[in-house]
């Protein structure tokens, strides 16, 4: 009688861990867009991103080293390439743009990343585009056009911020496509930590070059910004990334990647509820179009020949998160 009870308790324990891990990547990553907005209100954007990834990446790398991982030269080279695409450009542009773009809109624009992945994988010969995926791409373009049309119609300077988010999404997609060809660590924790540390160094260097440190007034940093930065470090990076790598070891990548459906919805709702961001009919239509595009693209990926879809399956574990 004791053994079945022990097995039952273990099963319930695993189920609870699974639930909490999915809650982390669904809800926490969705909420980080609002945290970024709060952080960059009084902390320069590159400094914000650099400190965030330095602390988070350093903590994860120390953890990996305690488990026996030792980085080699090839790991740092690969980490520098991925870190530049993911964090210097991908997150650097996002943090900068959220000074000018609502957090919900930024999350919706970041959701275009699977579309860029498909297009780049097709251009590099790694992926075929099925009819369903083509429809998804077209629908995604419509969704982005609806979003950017809001700013074009208003002749608002935030259009530049929206374009910056799209550049960051494209850079992240490029990192996803090239990362399988690079000699990143095989250890899941180190595979996350090394690019984070490399990206953090680049972000802090860029902050120095652009004069962000000279313009930083520590006394002017608000408590809200500090709390936003702390949330990004602890929950957005360490907790959620750890949950993400844990899930990838136990669930199909396609299932874990469903966080890309939930994150924009969470970000839009939180921006509306907590930050007074507008939730108009156009934003709702764009949300539906972009999320439907992601669904169609994923269905289209599964519809193509197995040998053509394999490379994309391998890189699905690098879906963008904020």
Protein backbone atom coordinates (compact mmCIF):
# COMPACT_ATOMS: atom_id res chain seq x y z
CA UNK A 1 0.00 0.00 0.00
CA UNK A 2 2.88 2.36 0.68
CA UNK A 3 4.41 2.09 -2.79
CA UNK A 4 1.24 3.02 -4.74
CA UNK A 5 0.69 5.98 -2.39
CA UNK A 6 4.27 7.10 -2.92
CA UNK A 7 3.85 6.82 -6.69
CA UNK A 8 0.59 8.76 -6.52
CA UNK A 9 2.21 11.53 -4.48
CA UNK A 10 5.15 11.67 -6.88
CA UNK A 11 2.75 11.91 -9.82
CA UNK A 12 0.83 14.75 -8.15
CA UNK A 13 4.12 16.47 -7.38
CA UNK A 14 5.21 16.28 -11.02
CA UNK A 15 1.81 17.53 -12.17
CA UNK A 16 2.06 20.53 -9.84
CA UNK A 17 5.58 21.30 -11.07
CA UNK A 18 4.35 21.08 -14.66
CA UNK A 19 1.45 23.43 -13.91
CA UNK A 20 3.69 25.97 -12.20
CA UNK A 21 6.27 25.79 -15.00
CA UNK A 22 3.65 26.45 -17.69
CA UNK A 23 2.20 29.26 -15.57
CA UNK A 24 5.68 30.81 -15.48
CA UNK A 25 6.20 30.83 -19.23
CA UNK A 26 2.57 31.76 -20.00
CA UNK A 27 1.92 34.44 -17.38
CA UNK A 28 5.34 35.64 -16.24
CA UNK A 29 6.73 36.13 -19.73
CA UNK A 30 3.51 37.84 -20.72
CA UNK A 31 3.87 40.24 -17.79
CA UNK A 32 7.50 41.14 -18.49
CA UNK A 33 6.49 43.60 -21.22
CA UNK A 34 4.78 45.77 -18.62
CA UNK A 35 7.75 45.34 -16.27
CA UNK A 36 10.06 46.56 -19.05
CA UNK A 37 7.87 49.62 -19.53
CA UNK A 38 8.10 50.45 -15.83
CA UNK A 39 11.86 49.80 -15.69
CA UNK A 40 12.78 52.05 -18.63
CA UNK A 41 10.76 54.97 -17.27
CA UNK A 42 13.76 56.12 -15.19
CA UNK A 43 16.53 53.62 -16.09
CA UNK A 44 18.06 53.88 -19.59
CA UNK A 45 16.93 50.94 -21.76
CA UNK A 46 20.32 49.41 -22.60
CA UNK A 47 21.39 49.71 -18.98
CA UNK A 48 18.15 48.01 -17.93
CA UNK A 49 18.63 45.11 -20.34
CA UNK A 50 22.35 44.84 -19.58
CA UNK A 51 21.94 44.69 -15.80
CA UNK A 52 19.02 42.28 -16.12
CA UNK A 53 20.88 39.79 -18.27
CA UNK A 54 24.17 40.21 -16.42
CA UNK A 55 22.63 39.24 -13.08
CA UNK A 56 20.39 36.52 -14.53
CA UNK A 57 23.03 35.08 -16.85
CA UNK A 58 25.72 35.20 -14.19
CA UNK A 59 23.49 33.37 -11.72
CA UNK A 60 22.56 30.67 -14.22
CA UNK A 61 26.19 30.26 -15.34
CA UNK A 62 27.34 29.91 -11.72
CA UNK A 63 24.66 27.26 -11.26
CA UNK A 64 25.83 25.44 -14.38
CA UNK A 65 29.46 25.56 -13.19
CA UNK A 66 28.42 24.18 -9.79
CA UNK A 67 26.88 21.25 -11.67
CA UNK A 68 30.17 20.57 -13.45
CA UNK A 69 29.85 22.56 -16.69
CA UNK A 70 33.03 24.13 -18.07
CA UNK A 71 32.79 26.56 -20.97
CA UNK A 72 35.15 26.16 -23.92
CA UNK A 73 36.31 28.74 -26.44
CA UNK A 74 33.81 27.51 -29.02
CA UNK A 75 31.00 28.00 -26.51
CA UNK A 76 31.90 31.64 -26.00
CA UNK A 77 32.16 32.25 -29.76
CA UNK A 78 28.74 30.70 -30.36
CA UNK A 79 27.35 32.49 -27.31
CA UNK A 80 28.59 35.82 -28.63
CA UNK A 81 26.80 35.33 -31.95
CA UNK A 82 23.56 34.20 -30.34
CA UNK A 83 23.86 36.82 -27.59
CA UNK A 84 24.25 39.58 -30.17
CA UNK A 85 21.16 38.49 -32.10
CA UNK A 86 18.95 37.57 -29.14
CA UNK A 87 19.89 40.11 -26.50
CA UNK A 88 21.91 43.00 -27.94
CA UNK A 89 19.60 43.54 -30.91
CA UNK A 90 16.53 41.53 -29.94
CA UNK A 91 16.09 42.75 -26.38
CA UNK A 92 18.03 45.99 -26.80
CA UNK A 93 15.58 47.29 -29.40
CA UNK A 94 12.61 46.04 -27.37
CA UNK A 95 13.70 47.82 -24.19
CA UNK A 96 14.41 51.01 -26.15
CA UNK A 97 11.12 50.84 -28.03
CA UNK A 98 9.03 50.49 -24.89
CA UNK A 99 9.86 54.11 -24.10
CA UNK A 100 7.62 54.97 -27.06
CA UNK A 101 5.36 51.95 -27.65
CA UNK A 102 2.69 50.49 -25.36
CA UNK A 103 3.74 47.20 -23.78
CA UNK A 104 0.77 45.33 -25.28
CA UNK A 105 1.57 46.51 -28.80
CA UNK A 106 5.22 45.56 -28.32
CA UNK A 107 4.18 42.04 -27.29
CA UNK A 108 1.95 41.69 -30.34
CA UNK A 109 4.76 42.80 -32.63
CA UNK A 110 7.19 40.37 -30.96
CA UNK A 111 4.65 37.64 -31.76
CA UNK A 112 5.69 38.01 -35.40
CA UNK A 113 8.87 36.11 -34.61
CA UNK A 114 7.56 32.67 -35.74
CA UNK A 115 6.73 34.30 -39.09
CA UNK A 116 10.28 35.60 -39.46
CA UNK A 117 11.64 32.20 -38.45
CA UNK A 118 9.62 30.49 -41.16
CA UNK A 119 10.65 33.02 -43.80
CA UNK A 120 14.36 32.84 -42.90
CA UNK A 121 14.32 29.04 -42.64
CA UNK A 122 12.69 28.88 -46.08
CA UNK A 123 15.26 31.32 -47.53
CA UNK A 124 18.12 29.22 -46.13
CA UNK A 125 16.63 25.96 -47.43
CA UNK A 126 15.84 24.56 -43.98
CA UNK A 127 12.06 24.67 -44.31
CA UNK A 128 9.36 24.40 -46.95
CA UNK A 129 6.37 26.71 -46.78
CA UNK A 130 3.06 24.89 -47.03
CA UNK A 131 -0.14 26.49 -48.25
CA UNK A 132 -1.39 26.78 -44.66
CA UNK A 133 1.82 28.48 -43.57
CA UNK A 134 1.61 30.88 -46.52
CA UNK A 135 -1.89 31.89 -45.44
CA UNK A 136 -0.55 32.34 -41.90
CA UNK A 137 2.24 34.60 -43.14
CA UNK A 138 -0.22 36.71 -45.11
CA UNK A 139 -2.53 36.98 -42.11
CA UNK A 140 0.41 37.99 -39.91
CA UNK A 141 1.32 40.77 -42.33
CA UNK A 142 -2.27 42.00 -42.15
CA UNK A 143 -2.09 42.02 -38.35
CA UNK A 144 1.14 44.02 -38.35
CA UNK A 145 -0.31 46.43 -40.93
CA UNK A 146 -3.31 47.02 -38.65
CA UNK A 147 -1.00 47.80 -35.72
CA UNK A 148 1.38 50.07 -37.60
CA UNK A 149 -1.58 51.70 -39.32
CA UNK A 150 -2.66 53.01 -35.92
CA UNK A 151 0.54 55.01 -35.68
CA UNK A 152 0.63 56.00 -39.35
CA UNK A 153 -2.86 57.39 -39.15
CA UNK A 154 -1.92 59.35 -36.03
CA UNK A 155 1.46 60.42 -37.50
CA UNK A 156 2.97 59.47 -34.17
CA UNK A 157 6.72 59.21 -33.53
CA UNK A 158 6.13 55.83 -31.89
CA UNK A 159 6.11 54.32 -35.39
CA UNK A 160 9.92 54.27 -35.11
CA UNK A 161 9.57 52.33 -31.87
CA UNK A 162 7.29 49.78 -33.55
CA UNK A 163 9.78 49.34 -36.37
CA UNK A 164 12.52 48.83 -33.77
CA UNK A 165 10.48 46.02 -32.18
CA UNK A 166 10.11 44.37 -35.59
CA UNK A 167 13.87 44.64 -36.15
CA UNK A 168 14.40 42.96 -32.80
CA UNK A 169 11.93 40.22 -33.71
CA UNK A 170 13.79 39.64 -36.98
CA UNK A 171 17.15 39.50 -35.16
CA UNK A 172 15.78 36.94 -32.68
CA UNK A 173 14.43 34.85 -35.56
CA UNK A 174 17.86 34.95 -37.22
CA UNK A 175 19.39 33.72 -33.99
CA UNK A 176 16.91 30.86 -33.89
CA UNK A 177 17.78 29.81 -37.43
CA UNK A 178 21.57 29.95 -37.01
CA UNK A 179 21.85 28.60 -33.46
CA UNK A 180 21.63 24.88 -34.42
CA UNK A 181 24.73 25.35 -36.58
CA UNK A 182 26.77 26.80 -33.71
CA UNK A 183 28.71 24.99 -30.99
CA UNK A 184 26.59 26.03 -28.02
CA UNK A 185 26.81 24.00 -24.79
CA UNK A 186 24.76 20.81 -24.76
CA UNK A 187 23.87 21.39 -21.11
CA UNK A 188 20.43 23.09 -21.16
CA UNK A 189 21.24 25.51 -18.32
CA UNK A 190 24.58 26.55 -19.79
CA UNK A 191 23.02 26.82 -23.25
CA UNK A 192 20.84 29.60 -21.81
CA UNK A 193 23.46 31.16 -19.53
CA UNK A 194 26.36 31.60 -21.97
CA UNK A 195 24.41 33.66 -24.56
CA UNK A 196 22.83 35.66 -21.71
CA UNK A 197 26.24 36.60 -20.29
CA UNK A 198 27.64 37.43 -23.73
CA UNK A 199 24.59 39.52 -24.58
CA UNK A 200 24.81 41.33 -21.25
CA UNK A 201 28.43 42.33 -21.86
CA UNK A 202 27.49 43.70 -25.30
CA UNK A 203 24.47 45.58 -23.92
CA UNK A 204 26.51 47.22 -21.18
CA UNK A 205 29.22 48.12 -23.69
CA UNK A 206 26.59 49.61 -26.00
CA UNK A 207 25.15 51.55 -23.07
CA UNK A 208 28.60 53.01 -22.42
CA UNK A 209 29.20 53.88 -26.08
CA UNK A 210 25.80 55.57 -26.46
CA UNK A 211 26.31 57.61 -23.28
CA UNK A 212 23.54 55.99 -21.25
CA UNK A 213 25.76 55.66 -18.20
CA UNK A 214 26.69 59.34 -18.36
CA UNK A 215 23.03 60.28 -18.50
CA UNK A 216 22.05 57.92 -15.70
CA UNK A 217 21.12 59.67 -12.46
CA UNK A 218 20.85 57.06 -9.73
CA UNK A 219 18.93 59.39 -7.42
CA UNK A 220 16.27 59.87 -10.09
CA UNK A 221 15.48 56.17 -10.43
CA UNK A 222 11.98 55.52 -9.15
CA UNK A 223 10.93 52.67 -6.91
CA UNK A 224 8.61 51.46 -9.68
CA UNK A 225 11.53 51.17 -12.10
CA UNK A 226 13.64 49.32 -9.54
CA UNK A 227 10.79 46.92 -8.86
CA UNK A 228 10.31 46.42 -12.60
CA UNK A 229 14.01 45.63 -13.04
CA UNK A 230 13.98 43.28 -10.05
CA UNK A 231 10.93 41.49 -11.45
CA UNK A 232 12.64 41.08 -14.83
CA UNK A 233 15.76 39.61 -13.23
CA UNK A 234 14.13 37.23 -10.75
CA UNK A 235 10.93 36.20 -12.49
CA UNK A 236 11.37 37.12 -16.15
CA UNK A 237 14.84 35.62 -16.51
CA UNK A 238 15.80 33.25 -13.69
CA UNK A 239 12.44 31.70 -12.76
CA UNK A 240 10.85 31.61 -16.22
CA UNK A 241 14.04 30.54 -18.03
CA UNK A 242 14.57 27.76 -15.52
CA UNK A 243 10.97 26.61 -15.95
CA UNK A 244 11.41 26.81 -19.72
CA UNK A 245 14.52 24.63 -19.84
CA UNK A 246 12.89 22.18 -17.39
CA UNK A 247 9.81 21.89 -19.60
CA UNK A 248 11.89 21.34 -22.73
CA UNK A 249 13.41 18.27 -21.09
CA UNK A 250 9.96 16.79 -20.39
CA UNK A 251 7.53 18.06 -23.06
CA UNK A 252 7.49 18.29 -26.86
CA UNK A 253 9.00 21.62 -28.04
CA UNK A 254 5.79 22.43 -29.93
CA UNK A 255 3.79 22.22 -26.70
CA UNK A 256 6.25 24.42 -24.81
CA UNK A 257 6.20 26.91 -27.70
CA UNK A 258 2.49 27.54 -27.16
CA UNK A 259 3.54 30.29 -24.76
CA UNK A 260 3.80 32.49 -27.86
CA UNK A 261 0.00 32.37 -28.08
CA UNK A 262 -0.56 33.38 -24.47
CA UNK A 263 2.15 36.01 -23.93
CA UNK A 264 0.69 38.75 -26.18
CA UNK A 265 -2.79 38.27 -24.71
CA UNK A 266 -1.45 38.56 -21.16
CA UNK A 267 0.63 41.62 -22.10
CA UNK A 268 -2.28 43.42 -23.77
CA UNK A 269 -4.65 42.75 -20.87
CA UNK A 270 -2.12 43.79 -18.21
CA UNK A 271 -1.25 46.94 -20.13
CA UNK A 272 -4.94 47.79 -20.31
CA UNK A 273 -5.72 46.94 -16.67
CA UNK A 274 -2.63 48.33 -14.92
CA UNK A 275 -1.13 50.96 -17.22
CA UNK A 276 -4.17 52.45 -18.91
CA UNK A 277 -3.06 51.35 -22.37
CA UNK A 278 -5.78 51.57 -24.98
CA UNK A 279 -7.61 48.41 -25.97
CA UNK A 280 -9.33 49.43 -29.18
CA UNK A 281 -11.16 47.43 -31.81
CA UNK A 282 -8.13 47.74 -34.09
CA UNK A 283 -5.82 46.32 -31.42
CA UNK A 284 -8.28 43.47 -30.86
CA UNK A 285 -8.44 42.73 -34.60
CA UNK A 286 -4.65 42.82 -34.89
CA UNK A 287 -4.36 40.47 -31.91
CA UNK A 288 -6.73 37.97 -33.51
CA UNK A 289 -4.93 38.19 -36.86
CA UNK A 290 -1.43 37.71 -35.43
CA UNK A 291 -2.39 34.89 -33.07
CA UNK A 292 -4.32 33.13 -35.83
CA UNK A 293 -1.26 33.52 -38.06
CA UNK A 294 0.92 31.77 -35.47
CA UNK A 295 -1.58 28.90 -35.22
CA UNK A 296 -1.68 28.48 -39.00
CA UNK A 297 2.10 28.62 -39.32
CA UNK A 298 2.54 25.91 -36.68
CA UNK A 299 -0.04 23.73 -38.41
CA UNK A 300 1.70 24.34 -41.71
CA UNK A 301 5.06 23.32 -40.25
CA UNK A 302 3.60 19.97 -39.22
CA UNK A 303 2.06 19.54 -42.67
CA UNK A 304 5.33 19.67 -44.62
CA UNK A 305 7.58 16.65 -45.16
CA UNK A 306 9.34 15.40 -42.00
CA UNK A 307 12.82 15.95 -43.40
CA UNK A 308 11.99 19.53 -44.27
CA UNK A 309 10.44 20.29 -40.92
CA UNK A 310 13.20 18.77 -38.81
CA UNK A 311 15.49 21.82 -38.62
CA UNK A 312 12.65 24.04 -37.42
CA UNK A 313 11.71 21.49 -34.78
CA UNK A 314 15.26 21.65 -33.46
CA UNK A 315 15.18 25.42 -33.09
CA UNK A 316 11.71 25.80 -31.65
CA UNK A 317 13.23 25.79 -28.17
CA UNK A 318 14.40 29.37 -28.72
CA UNK A 319 11.03 31.07 -29.03
CA UNK A 320 11.46 34.68 -28.04
CA UNK A 321 10.59 35.83 -24.59
CA UNK A 322 10.85 39.23 -23.03
